Amino acid sequence: MDFGDALRALKQGARVARAGWNGKGMWLKLAPGSVIGARDAKCGHATAHRAEELEHPEGEIEVLPHIDMRAADGTIVVGWLASQTDMLADDWRIVGDTVQPDAFAAPFDSARTA
């Protein structure tokens, strides 16, 4: 399947990978958007944002939907970006279980960003 098919599968909850990737166990997953309390921010840009929000400790940080990658070493790369080679490849496939949403993911309220 091509990248467009892979993107559609991601949006339906599937994990996808390229047959041409060298590392075993690598895949992509769409992380849904969520809202976290400012006090719960633990890393990266969210931590800096948390420092601003702590004047209002009840503040919230909106995390937008994004694509994450499980790397060959088992780590998760947050905010994976496709290369041109990835976008033009026809070796995409669905991996793992059948299409299903993450059990731990909060639903994203698209009305909040409208």
PDB file of N, CA and C in Angstrom:
ATOM      1  N   MET A   1       0.836  -1.176   0.000  1.00  0.00           N
ATOM      2  CA  MET A   1       0.000   0.000   0.000  1.00  0.00           C
ATOM      3  C   MET A   1       0.884   1.243   0.000  1.00  0.00           C
ATOM      4  N   ASP A   2       0.343   2.365  -0.445  1.00  0.00           N
ATOM      5  CA  ASP A   2       1.132   3.588  -0.503  1.00  0.00           C
ATOM      6  C   ASP A   2       0.938   4.413   0.772  1.00  0.00           C
ATOM      7  N   PHE A   3       1.601   5.566   0.834  1.00  0.00           N
ATOM      8  CA  PHE A   3       1.569   6.387   2.041  1.00  0.00           C
ATOM      9  C   PHE A   3       0.163   6.907   2.339  1.00  0.00           C
ATOM     10  N   GLY A   4      -0.593   7.220   1.293  1.00  0.00           N
ATOM     11  CA  GLY A   4      -1.976   7.656   1.499  1.00  0.00           C
ATOM     12  C   GLY A   4      -2.802   6.576   2.182  1.00  0.00           C
ATOM     13  N   ASP A   5      -2.629   5.331   1.743  1.00  0.00           N
ATOM     14  CA  ASP A   5      -3.325   4.208   2.380  1.00  0.00           C
ATOM     15  C   ASP A   5      -2.867   4.053   3.830  1.00  0.00           C
ATOM     16  N   ALA A   6      -1.561   4.199   4.059  1.00  0.00           N
ATOM     17  CA  ALA A   6      -1.023   4.075   5.416  1.00  0.00           C
ATOM     18  C   ALA A   6      -1.586   5.163   6.322  1.00  0.00           C
ATOM     19  N   LEU A   7      -1.693   6.375   5.807  1.00  0.00           N
ATOM     20  CA  LEU A   7      -2.242   7.480   6.592  1.00  0.00           C
ATOM     21  C   LEU A   7      -3.709   7.229   6.934  1.00  0.00           C
ATOM     22  N   ARG A   8      -4.460   6.720   5.965  1.00  0.00           N
ATOM     23  CA  ARG A   8      -5.873   6.386   6.240  1.00  0.00           C
ATOM     24  C   ARG A   8      -5.967   5.298   7.312  1.00  0.00           C
ATOM     25  N   ALA A   9      -5.091   4.303   7.237  1.00  0.00           N
ATOM     26  CA  ALA A   9      -5.086   3.233   8.242  1.00  0.00           C
ATOM     27  C   ALA A   9      -4.736   3.787   9.623  1.00  0.00           C
ATOM     28  N   LEU A  10      -3.758   4.700   9.682  1.00  0.00           N
ATOM     29  CA  LEU A  10      -3.410   5.337  10.958  1.00  0.00           C
ATOM     30  C   LEU A  10      -4.624   6.040  11.555  1.00  0.00           C
ATOM     31  N   LYS A  11      -5.350   6.760  10.719  1.00  0.00           N
ATOM     32  CA  LYS A  11      -6.528   7.501  11.188  1.00  0.00           C
ATOM     33  C   LYS A  11      -7.629   6.575  11.689  1.00  0.00           C
ATOM     34  N   GLN A  12      -7.609   5.318  11.247  1.00  0.00           N
ATOM     35  CA  GLN A  12      -8.592   4.335  11.706  1.00  0.00           C
ATOM     36  C   GLN A  12      -8.097   3.555  12.920  1.00  0.00           C
ATOM     37  N   GLY A  13      -6.885   3.862  13.395  1.00  0.00           N
ATOM     38  CA  GLY A  13      -6.380   3.222  14.604  1.00  0.00           C
ATOM     39  C   GLY A  13      -5.353   2.133  14.393  1.00  0.00           C
ATOM     40  N   ALA A  14      -4.945   1.891  13.152  1.00  0.00           N
ATOM     41  CA  ALA A  14      -3.969   0.828  12.874  1.00  0.00           C
ATOM     42  C   ALA A  14      -2.543   1.298  13.146  1.00  0.00           C
ATOM     43  N   ARG A  15      -1.666   0.344  13.343  1.00  0.00           N
ATOM     44  CA  ARG A  15      -0.232   0.595  13.349  1.00  0.00           C
ATOM     45  C   ARG A  15       0.266   0.239  11.959  1.00  0.00           C
ATOM     46  N   VAL A  16       1.156   1.053  11.423  1.00  0.00           N
ATOM     47  CA  VAL A  16       1.693   0.797  10.088  1.00  0.00           C
ATOM     48  C   VAL A  16       3.211   0.842  10.118  1.00  0.00           C
ATOM     49  N   ALA A  17       3.813   0.188   9.139  1.00  0.00           N
ATOM     50  CA  ALA A  17       5.270   0.172   9.005  1.00  0.00           C
ATOM     51  C   ALA A  17       5.611  -0.023   7.539  1.00  0.00           C
ATOM     52  N   ARG A  18       6.848   0.270   7.198  1.00  0.00           N
ATOM     53  CA  ARG A  18       7.343  -0.007   5.855  1.00  0.00           C
ATOM     54  C   ARG A  18       8.104  -1.315   5.861  1.00  0.00           C
ATOM     55  N   ALA A  19       7.894  -2.115   4.835  1.00  0.00           N
ATOM     56  CA  ALA A  19       8.648  -3.364   4.697  1.00  0.00           C
ATOM     57  C   ALA A  19      10.136  -3.064   4.537  1.00  0.00           C
ATOM     58  N   GLY A  20      10.474  -1.907   3.978  1.00  0.00           N
ATOM     59  CA  GLY A  20      11.856  -1.536   3.732  1.00  0.00           C
ATOM     60  C   GLY A  20      12.622  -1.037   4.941  1.00  0.00           C
ATOM     61  N   TRP A  21      11.954  -0.859   6.070  1.00  0.00           N
ATOM     62  CA  TRP A  21      12.674  -0.422   7.270  1.00  0.00           C
ATOM     63  C   TRP A  21      13.542  -1.555   7.785  1.00  0.00           C
ATOM     64  N   ASN A  22      14.767  -1.235   8.170  1.00  0.00           N
ATOM     65  CA  ASN A  22      15.722  -2.256   8.605  1.00  0.00           C
ATOM     66  C   ASN A  22      15.447  -2.780  10.005  1.00  0.00           C
ATOM     67  N   GLY A  23      15.006  -1.931  10.906  1.00  0.00           N
ATOM     68  CA  GLY A  23      14.819  -2.334  12.297  1.00  0.00           C
ATOM     69  C   GLY A  23      13.587  -3.191  12.503  1.00  0.00           C
ATOM     70  N   LYS A  24      13.714  -4.191  13.362  1.00  0.00           N
ATOM     71  CA  LYS A  24      12.570  -5.044  13.678  1.00  0.00           C
ATOM     72  C   LYS A  24      11.701  -4.359  14.723  1.00  0.00           C
ATOM     73  N   GLY A  25      10.408  -4.548  14.617  1.00  0.00           N
ATOM     74  CA  GLY A  25       9.485  -4.010  15.605  1.00  0.00           C
ATOM     75  C   GLY A  25       9.194  -2.532  15.456  1.00  0.00           C
ATOM     76  N   MET A  26       9.613  -1.923  14.360  1.00  0.00           N
ATOM     77  CA  MET A  26       9.338  -0.502  14.144  1.00  0.00           C
ATOM     78  C   MET A  26       7.933  -0.342  13.582  1.00  0.00           C
ATOM     79  N   TRP A  27       7.219   0.663  14.048  1.00  0.00           N
ATOM     80  CA  TRP A  27       5.894   0.966  13.531  1.00  0.00           C
ATOM     81  C   TRP A  27       5.508   2.396  13.857  1.00  0.00           C
ATOM     82  N   LEU A  28       4.467   2.872  13.209  1.00  0.00           N
ATOM     83  CA  LEU A  28       3.896   4.193  13.463  1.00  0.00           C
ATOM     84  C   LEU A  28       2.512   4.026  14.054  1.00  0.00           C
ATOM     85  N   LYS A  29       2.106   4.983  14.864  1.00  0.00           N
ATOM     86  CA  LYS A  29       0.775   4.988  15.472  1.00  0.00           C
ATOM     87  C   LYS A  29       0.339   6.438  15.603  1.00  0.00           C
ATOM     88  N   LEU A  30      -0.908   6.710  15.288  1.00  0.00           N
ATOM     89  CA  LEU A  30      -1.457   8.050  15.469  1.00  0.00           C
ATOM     90  C   LEU A  30      -1.828   8.233  16.929  1.00  0.00           C
ATOM     91  N   ALA A  31      -1.205   9.205  17.568  1.00  0.00           N
ATOM     92  CA  ALA A  31      -1.540   9.535  18.954  1.00  0.00           C
ATOM     93  C   ALA A  31      -2.638  10.592  18.911  1.00  0.00           C
ATOM     94  N   PRO A  32      -3.777  10.310  19.516  1.00  0.00           N
ATOM     95  CA  PRO A  32      -4.865  11.283  19.477  1.00  0.00           C
ATOM     96  C   PRO A  32      -4.524  12.500  20.322  1.00  0.00           C
ATOM     97  N   GLY A  33      -5.176  13.581  20.044  1.00  0.00           N
ATOM     98  CA  GLY A  33      -4.991  14.771  20.857  1.00  0.00           C
ATOM     99  C   GLY A  33      -5.566  14.566  22.246  1.00  0.00           C
ATOM    100  N   SER A  34      -5.119  15.386  23.170  1.00  0.00           N
ATOM    101  CA  SER A  34      -5.615  15.302  24.539  1.00  0.00           C
ATOM    102  C   SER A  34      -5.392  16.641  25.223  1.00  0.00           C
ATOM    103  N   VAL A  35      -5.958  16.756  26.376  1.00  0.00           N
ATOM    104  CA  VAL A  35      -5.747  17.931  27.210  1.00  0.00           C
ATOM    105  C   VAL A  35      -5.237  17.430  28.550  1.00  0.00           C
ATOM    106  N   ILE A  36      -4.116  17.991  29.006  1.00  0.00           N
ATOM    107  CA  ILE A  36      -3.563  17.588  30.297  1.00  0.00           C
ATOM    108  C   ILE A  36      -3.505  18.805  31.212  1.00  0.00           C
ATOM    109  N   GLY A  37      -3.592  18.557  32.491  1.00  0.00           N
ATOM    110  CA  GLY A  37      -3.448  19.634  33.453  1.00  0.00           C
ATOM    111  C   GLY A  37      -2.024  20.155  33.450  1.00  0.00           C
ATOM    112  N   ALA A  38      -1.858  21.454  33.648  1.00  0.00           N
ATOM    113  CA  ALA A  38      -0.525  22.054  33.636  1.00  0.00           C
ATOM    114  C   ALA A  38       0.390  21.381  34.648  1.00  0.00           C
ATOM    115  N   ARG A  39      -0.142  20.978  35.780  1.00  0.00           N
ATOM    116  CA  ARG A  39       0.684  20.336  36.808  1.00  0.00           C
ATOM    117  C   ARG A  39       1.162  18.948  36.385  1.00  0.00           C
ATOM    118  N   ASP A  40       0.496  18.338  35.397  1.00  0.00           N
ATOM    119  CA  ASP A  40       0.842  16.983  34.978  1.00  0.00           C
ATOM    120  C   ASP A  40       1.892  16.942  33.875  1.00  0.00           C
ATOM    121  N   ALA A  41       2.255  18.096  33.308  1.00  0.00           N
ATOM    122  CA  ALA A  41       3.250  18.133  32.235  1.00  0.00           C
ATOM    123  C   ALA A  41       4.595  17.686  32.782  1.00  0.00           C
ATOM    124  N   LYS A  42       5.224  16.731  32.099  1.00  0.00           N
ATOM    125  CA  LYS A  42       6.440  16.131  32.640  1.00  0.00           C
ATOM    126  C   LYS A  42       7.692  16.330  31.783  1.00  0.00           C
ATOM    127  N   CYS A  43       7.550  16.674  30.490  1.00  0.00           N
ATOM    128  CA  CYS A  43       8.755  16.716  29.671  1.00  0.00           C
ATOM    129  C   CYS A  43       8.613  17.672  28.496  1.00  0.00           C
ATOM    130  N   GLY A  44       9.734  17.972  27.891  1.00  0.00           N
ATOM    131  CA  GLY A  44       9.788  18.745  26.664  1.00  0.00           C
ATOM    132  C   GLY A  44       9.135  20.105  26.758  1.00  0.00           C
ATOM    133  N   HIS A  45       8.542  20.519  25.660  1.00  0.00           N
ATOM    134  CA  HIS A  45       7.899  21.828  25.568  1.00  0.00           C
ATOM    135  C   HIS A  45       6.788  21.964  26.597  1.00  0.00           C
ATOM    136  N   ALA A  46       6.127  20.857  26.918  1.00  0.00           N
ATOM    137  CA  ALA A  46       5.038  20.917  27.896  1.00  0.00           C
ATOM    138  C   ALA A  46       5.551  21.378  29.250  1.00  0.00           C
ATOM    139  N   THR A  47       6.782  20.997  29.611  1.00  0.00           N
ATOM    140  CA  THR A  47       7.334  21.419  30.898  1.00  0.00           C
ATOM    141  C   THR A  47       7.528  22.930  30.921  1.00  0.00           C
ATOM    142  N   ALA A  48       8.060  23.482  29.838  1.00  0.00           N
ATOM    143  CA  ALA A  48       8.234  24.934  29.768  1.00  0.00           C
ATOM    144  C   ALA A  48       6.881  25.626  29.824  1.00  0.00           C
ATOM    145  N   HIS A  49       5.922  25.061  29.120  1.00  0.00           N
ATOM    146  CA  HIS A  49       4.572  25.622  29.122  1.00  0.00           C
ATOM    147  C   HIS A  49       3.982  25.516  30.524  1.00  0.00           C
ATOM    148  N   ARG A  50       4.289  24.419  31.211  1.00  0.00           N
ATOM    149  CA  ARG A  50       3.790  24.222  32.569  1.00  0.00           C
ATOM    150  C   ARG A  50       4.268  25.360  33.456  1.00  0.00           C
ATOM    151  N   ALA A  51       5.545  25.752  33.328  1.00  0.00           N
ATOM    152  CA  ALA A  51       6.089  26.823  34.155  1.00  0.00           C
ATOM    153  C   ALA A  51       5.287  28.105  33.968  1.00  0.00           C
ATOM    154  N   GLU A  52       4.873  28.376  32.732  1.00  0.00           N
ATOM    155  CA  GLU A  52       4.049  29.555  32.473  1.00  0.00           C
ATOM    156  C   GLU A  52       2.671  29.396  33.092  1.00  0.00           C
ATOM    157  N   GLU A  53       2.130  28.188  33.010  1.00  0.00           N
ATOM    158  CA  GLU A  53       0.768  27.939  33.464  1.00  0.00           C
ATOM    159  C   GLU A  53       0.638  27.871  34.980  1.00  0.00           C
ATOM    160  N   LEU A  54       1.734  27.650  35.694  1.00  0.00           N
ATOM    161  CA  LEU A  54       1.617  27.446  37.133  1.00  0.00           C
ATOM    162  C   LEU A  54       1.135  28.675  37.888  1.00  0.00           C
ATOM    163  N   GLU A  55       1.160  29.833  37.241  1.00  0.00           N
ATOM    164  CA  GLU A  55       0.504  30.984  37.853  1.00  0.00           C
ATOM    165  C   GLU A  55      -0.985  30.682  37.985  1.00  0.00           C
ATOM    166  N   HIS A  56      -1.460  29.827  37.115  1.00  0.00           N
ATOM    167  CA  HIS A  56      -2.852  29.366  37.127  1.00  0.00           C
ATOM    168  C   HIS A  56      -2.796  27.843  37.162  1.00  0.00           C
ATOM    169  N   PRO A  57      -2.563  27.245  38.340  1.00  0.00           N
ATOM    170  CA  PRO A  57      -2.315  25.802  38.420  1.00  0.00           C
ATOM    171  C   PRO A  57      -3.438  24.938  37.869  1.00  0.00           C
ATOM    172  N   GLU A  58      -4.601  25.509  37.705  1.00  0.00           N
ATOM    173  CA  GLU A  58      -5.696  24.734  37.127  1.00  0.00           C
ATOM    174  C   GLU A  58      -5.672  24.804  35.604  1.00  0.00           C
ATOM    175  N   GLY A  59      -4.658  25.469  35.042  1.00  0.00           N
ATOM    176  CA  GLY A  59      -4.550  25.607  33.598  1.00  0.00           C
ATOM    177  C   GLY A  59      -4.380  24.265  32.907  1.00  0.00           C
ATOM    178  N   GLU A  60      -4.678  24.255  31.615  1.00  0.00           N
ATOM    179  CA  GLU A  60      -4.577  23.034  30.821  1.00  0.00           C
ATOM    180  C   GLU A  60      -3.653  23.263  29.641  1.00  0.00           C
ATOM    181  N   ILE A  61      -3.034  22.192  29.191  1.00  0.00           N
ATOM    182  CA  ILE A  61      -2.185  22.212  28.009  1.00  0.00           C
ATOM    183  C   ILE A  61      -2.817  21.285  26.983  1.00  0.00           C
ATOM    184  N   GLU A  62      -3.067  21.813  25.797  1.00  0.00           N
ATOM    185  CA  GLU A  62      -3.659  21.004  24.734  1.00  0.00           C
ATOM    186  C   GLU A  62      -2.545  20.363  23.910  1.00  0.00           C
ATOM    187  N   VAL A  63      -2.586  19.046  23.805  1.00  0.00           N
ATOM    188  CA  VAL A  63      -1.640  18.283  22.994  1.00  0.00           C
ATOM    189  C   VAL A  63      -2.397  17.846  21.747  1.00  0.00           C
ATOM    190  N   LEU A  64      -1.933  18.275  20.583  1.00  0.00           N
ATOM    191  CA  LEU A  64      -2.628  17.969  19.333  1.00  0.00           C
ATOM    192  C   LEU A  64      -2.301  16.554  18.855  1.00  0.00           C
ATOM    193  N   PRO A  65      -3.171  15.980  18.010  1.00  0.00           N
ATOM    194  CA  PRO A  65      -2.875  14.656  17.448  1.00  0.00           C
ATOM    195  C   PRO A  65      -1.542  14.694  16.696  1.00  0.00           C
ATOM    196  N   HIS A  66      -0.808  13.581  16.743  1.00  0.00           N
ATOM    197  CA  HIS A  66       0.486  13.495  16.075  1.00  0.00           C
ATOM    198  C   HIS A  66       0.832  12.028  15.841  1.00  0.00           C
ATOM    199  N   ILE A  67       1.778  11.791  14.949  1.00  0.00           N
ATOM    200  CA  ILE A  67       2.214  10.429  14.644  1.00  0.00           C
ATOM    201  C   ILE A  67       3.470  10.121  15.449  1.00  0.00           C
ATOM    202  N   ASP A  68       3.433   9.014  16.182  1.00  0.00           N
ATOM    203  CA  ASP A  68       4.586   8.545  16.948  1.00  0.00           C
ATOM    204  C   ASP A  68       5.153   7.294  16.281  1.00  0.00           C
ATOM    205  N   MET A  69       6.436   7.051  16.504  1.00  0.00           N
ATOM    206  CA  MET A  69       7.099   5.865  15.950  1.00  0.00           C
ATOM    207  C   MET A  69       7.720   5.042  17.070  1.00  0.00           C
ATOM    208  N   ARG A  70       7.542   3.734  16.983  1.00  0.00           N
ATOM    209  CA  ARG A  70       8.295   2.835  17.860  1.00  0.00           C
ATOM    210  C   ARG A  70       9.570   2.499  17.106  1.00  0.00           C
ATOM    211  N   ALA A  71      10.693   2.893  17.666  1.00  0.00           N
ATOM    212  CA  ALA A  71      11.998   2.673  17.041  1.00  0.00           C
ATOM    213  C   ALA A  71      12.470   1.242  17.290  1.00  0.00           C
ATOM    214  N   ALA A  72      13.499   0.844  16.571  1.00  0.00           N
ATOM    215  CA  ALA A  72      14.021  -0.522  16.670  1.00  0.00           C
ATOM    216  C   ALA A  72      14.513  -0.859  18.077  1.00  0.00           C
ATOM    217  N   ASP A  73      14.950   0.149  18.838  1.00  0.00           N
ATOM    218  CA  ASP A  73      15.439  -0.109  20.201  1.00  0.00           C
ATOM    219  C   ASP A  73      14.320  -0.097  21.243  1.00  0.00           C
ATOM    220  N   GLY A  74      13.074   0.042  20.775  1.00  0.00           N
ATOM    221  CA  GLY A  74      11.931   0.004  21.682  1.00  0.00           C
ATOM    222  C   GLY A  74      11.497   1.353  22.213  1.00  0.00           C
ATOM    223  N   THR A  75      12.259   2.406  21.929  1.00  0.00           N
ATOM    224  CA  THR A  75      11.859   3.735  22.381  1.00  0.00           C
ATOM    225  C   THR A  75      10.754   4.284  21.482  1.00  0.00           C
ATOM    226  N   ILE A  76      10.042   5.274  21.975  1.00  0.00           N
ATOM    227  CA  ILE A  76       8.991   5.922  21.194  1.00  0.00           C
ATOM    228  C   ILE A  76       9.481   7.296  20.766  1.00  0.00           C
ATOM    229  N   VAL A  77       9.442   7.552  19.468  1.00  0.00           N
ATOM    230  CA  VAL A  77       9.798   8.846  18.904  1.00  0.00           C
ATOM    231  C   VAL A  77       8.499   9.634  18.771  1.00  0.00           C
ATOM    232  N   VAL A  78       8.385  10.709  19.527  1.00  0.00           N
ATOM    233  CA  VAL A  78       7.160  11.509  19.519  1.00  0.00           C
ATOM    234  C   VAL A  78       7.255  12.537  18.399  1.00  0.00           C
ATOM    235  N   GLY A  79       6.251  12.551  17.547  1.00  0.00           N
ATOM    236  CA  GLY A  79       6.235  13.508  16.449  1.00  0.00           C
ATOM    237  C   GLY A  79       7.086  13.070  15.270  1.00  0.00           C
ATOM    238  N   TRP A  80       6.907  11.816  14.803  1.00  0.00           N
ATOM    239  CA  TRP A  80       7.648  11.296  13.649  1.00  0.00           C
ATOM    240  C   TRP A  80       7.306  12.116  12.412  1.00  0.00           C
ATOM    241  N   LEU A  81       8.307  12.358  11.574  1.00  0.00           N
ATOM    242  CA  LEU A  81       8.117  13.061  10.307  1.00  0.00           C
ATOM    243  C   LEU A  81       8.515  12.147   9.161  1.00  0.00           C
ATOM    244  N   ALA A  82       7.694  12.100   8.125  1.00  0.00           N
ATOM    245  CA  ALA A  82       7.965  11.263   6.959  1.00  0.00           C
ATOM    246  C   ALA A  82       9.018  11.909   6.067  1.00  0.00           C
ATOM    247  N   SER A  83       9.924  11.095   5.553  1.00  0.00           N
ATOM    248  CA  SER A  83      10.868  11.567   4.537  1.00  0.00           C
ATOM    249  C   SER A  83      10.169  11.483   3.176  1.00  0.00           C
ATOM    250  N   GLN A  84      10.764  12.081   2.161  1.00  0.00           N
ATOM    251  CA  GLN A  84      10.190  11.958   0.823  1.00  0.00           C
ATOM    252  C   GLN A  84      10.198  10.505   0.372  1.00  0.00           C
ATOM    253  N   THR A  85      11.237   9.763   0.758  1.00  0.00           N
ATOM    254  CA  THR A  85      11.297   8.340   0.422  1.00  0.00           C
ATOM    255  C   THR A  85      10.115   7.605   1.041  1.00  0.00           C
ATOM    256  N   ASP A  86       9.820   7.895   2.314  1.00  0.00           N
ATOM    257  CA  ASP A  86       8.671   7.272   2.977  1.00  0.00           C
ATOM    258  C   ASP A  86       7.369   7.631   2.265  1.00  0.00           C
ATOM    259  N   MET A  87       7.208   8.904   1.907  1.00  0.00           N
ATOM    260  CA  MET A  87       5.955   9.350   1.287  1.00  0.00           C
ATOM    261  C   MET A  87       5.739   8.747  -0.095  1.00  0.00           C
ATOM    262  N   LEU A  88       6.811   8.446  -0.805  1.00  0.00           N
ATOM    263  CA  LEU A  88       6.690   7.906  -2.163  1.00  0.00           C
ATOM    264  C   LEU A  88       6.744   6.386  -2.219  1.00  0.00           C
ATOM    265  N   ALA A  89       6.988   5.738  -1.089  1.00  0.00           N
ATOM    266  CA  ALA A  89       7.123   4.278  -1.052  1.00  0.00           C
ATOM    267  C   ALA A  89       5.772   3.579  -1.198  1.00  0.00           C
ATOM    268  N   ASP A  90       5.812   2.394  -1.774  1.00  0.00           N
ATOM    269  CA  ASP A  90       4.616   1.556  -1.929  1.00  0.00           C
ATOM    270  C   ASP A  90       4.710   0.286  -1.093  1.00  0.00           C
ATOM    271  N   ASP A  91       5.599   0.276  -0.089  1.00  0.00           N
ATOM    272  CA  ASP A  91       5.780  -0.937   0.717  1.00  0.00           C
ATOM    273  C   ASP A  91       5.209  -0.800   2.134  1.00  0.00           C
ATOM    274  N   TRP A  92       4.242   0.090   2.310  1.00  0.00           N
ATOM    275  CA  TRP A  92       3.596   0.257   3.612  1.00  0.00           C
ATOM    276  C   TRP A  92       2.691  -0.930   3.894  1.00  0.00           C
ATOM    277  N   ARG A  93       2.581  -1.302   5.166  1.00  0.00           N
ATOM    278  CA  ARG A  93       1.699  -2.406   5.552  1.00  0.00           C
ATOM    279  C   ARG A  93       1.157  -2.157   6.948  1.00  0.00           C
ATOM    280  N   ILE A  94       0.040  -2.761   7.242  1.00  0.00           N
ATOM    281  CA  ILE A  94      -0.528  -2.726   8.590  1.00  0.00           C
ATOM    282  C   ILE A  94       0.165  -3.806   9.400  1.00  0.00           C
ATOM    283  N   VAL A  95       0.567  -3.473  10.626  1.00  0.00           N
ATOM    284  CA  VAL A  95       1.263  -4.433  11.481  1.00  0.00           C
ATOM    285  C   VAL A  95       0.537  -4.571  12.813  1.00  0.00           C
ATOM    286  N   GLY A  96       0.797  -5.679  13.482  1.00  0.00           N
ATOM    287  CA  GLY A  96       0.217  -5.881  14.809  1.00  0.00           C
ATOM    288  C   GLY A  96      -1.236  -6.292  14.745  1.00  0.00           C
ATOM    289  N   ASP A  97      -1.942  -5.951  15.799  1.00  0.00           N
ATOM    290  CA  ASP A  97      -3.347  -6.322  15.929  1.00  0.00           C
ATOM    291  C   ASP A  97      -4.200  -5.625  14.889  1.00  0.00           C
ATOM    292  N   THR A  98      -5.432  -6.060  14.791  1.00  0.00           N
ATOM    293  CA  THR A  98      -6.369  -5.418  13.883  1.00  0.00           C
ATOM    294  C   THR A  98      -6.609  -3.987  14.332  1.00  0.00           C
ATOM    295  N   VAL A  99      -7.234  -3.222  13.481  1.00  0.00           N
ATOM    296  CA  VAL A  99      -7.478  -1.810  13.756  1.00  0.00           C
ATOM    297  C   VAL A  99      -8.299  -1.657  15.025  1.00  0.00           C
ATOM    298  N   GLN A 100      -7.747  -0.917  15.991  1.00  0.00           N
ATOM    299  CA  GLN A 100      -8.468  -0.627  17.225  1.00  0.00           C
ATOM    300  C   GLN A 100      -7.846   0.596  17.886  1.00  0.00           C
ATOM    301  N   PRO A 101      -8.640   1.392  18.561  1.00  0.00           N
ATOM    302  CA  PRO A 101      -8.094   2.580  19.218  1.00  0.00           C
ATOM    303  C   PRO A 101      -7.273   2.204  20.441  1.00  0.00           C
ATOM    304  N   ASP A 102      -6.366   3.086  20.832  1.00  0.00           N
ATOM    305  CA  ASP A 102      -5.581   2.880  22.049  1.00  0.00           C
ATOM    306  C   ASP A 102      -6.498   2.900  23.259  1.00  0.00           C
ATOM    307  N   ALA A 103      -6.289   1.976  24.170  1.00  0.00           N
ATOM    308  CA  ALA A 103      -7.107   1.907  25.374  1.00  0.00           C
ATOM    309  C   ALA A 103      -6.814   3.062  26.317  1.00  0.00           C
ATOM    310  N   PHE A 104      -5.575   3.588  26.271  1.00  0.00           N
ATOM    311  CA  PHE A 104      -5.187   4.626  27.226  1.00  0.00           C
ATOM    312  C   PHE A 104      -5.368   6.031  26.693  1.00  0.00           C
ATOM    313  N   ALA A 105      -5.751   6.176  25.443  1.00  0.00           N
ATOM    314  CA  ALA A 105      -5.787   7.496  24.830  1.00  0.00           C
ATOM    315  C   ALA A 105      -7.108   8.204  25.099  1.00  0.00           C
ATOM    316  N   ALA A 106      -7.002   9.466  25.446  1.00  0.00           N
ATOM    317  CA  ALA A 106      -8.202  10.284  25.626  1.00  0.00           C
ATOM    318  C   ALA A 106      -8.680  10.744  24.257  1.00  0.00           C
ATOM    319  N   PRO A 107      -9.979  10.821  24.039  1.00  0.00           N
ATOM    320  CA  PRO A 107     -10.473  11.291  22.748  1.00  0.00           C
ATOM    321  C   PRO A 107     -10.124  12.759  22.542  1.00  0.00           C
ATOM    322  N   PHE A 108      -9.896  13.140  21.303  1.00  0.00           N
ATOM    323  CA  PHE A 108      -9.564  14.520  20.970  1.00  0.00           C
ATOM    324  C   PHE A 108     -10.837  15.250  20.597  1.00  0.00           C
ATOM    325  N   ASP A 109     -11.037  16.394  21.184  1.00  0.00           N
ATOM    326  CA  ASP A 109     -12.220  17.207  20.915  1.00  0.00           C
ATOM    327  C   ASP A 109     -11.855  18.248  19.870  1.00  0.00           C
ATOM    328  N   SER A 110     -12.145  17.959  18.599  1.00  0.00           N
ATOM    329  CA  SER A 110     -11.762  18.871  17.528  1.00  0.00           C
ATOM    330  C   SER A 110     -12.503  20.194  17.619  1.00  0.00           C
ATOM    331  N   ALA A 111     -13.612  20.239  18.332  1.00  0.00           N
ATOM    332  CA  ALA A 111     -14.356  21.487  18.488  1.00  0.00           C
ATOM    333  C   ALA A 111     -13.539  22.512  19.271  1.00  0.00           C
ATOM    334  N   ARG A 112     -12.611  22.040  20.106  1.00  0.00           N
ATOM    335  CA  ARG A 112     -11.792  22.965  20.905  1.00  0.00           C
ATOM    336  C   ARG A 112     -10.865  23.790  20.042  1.00  0.00           C
ATOM    337  N   THR A 113     -10.456  23.250  18.890  1.00  0.00           N
ATOM    338  CA  THR A 113      -9.502  23.963  18.043  1.00  0.00           C
ATOM    339  C   THR A 113     -10.183  24.715  16.917  1.00  0.00           C
ATOM    340  N   ALA A 114     -11.481  24.561  16.803  1.00  0.00           N
ATOM    341  CA  ALA A 114     -12.203  25.224  15.705  1.00  0.00           C
ATOM    342  C   ALA A 114     -12.373  26.700  15.968  1.00  0.00           C
TER     343      ALA A 114
END
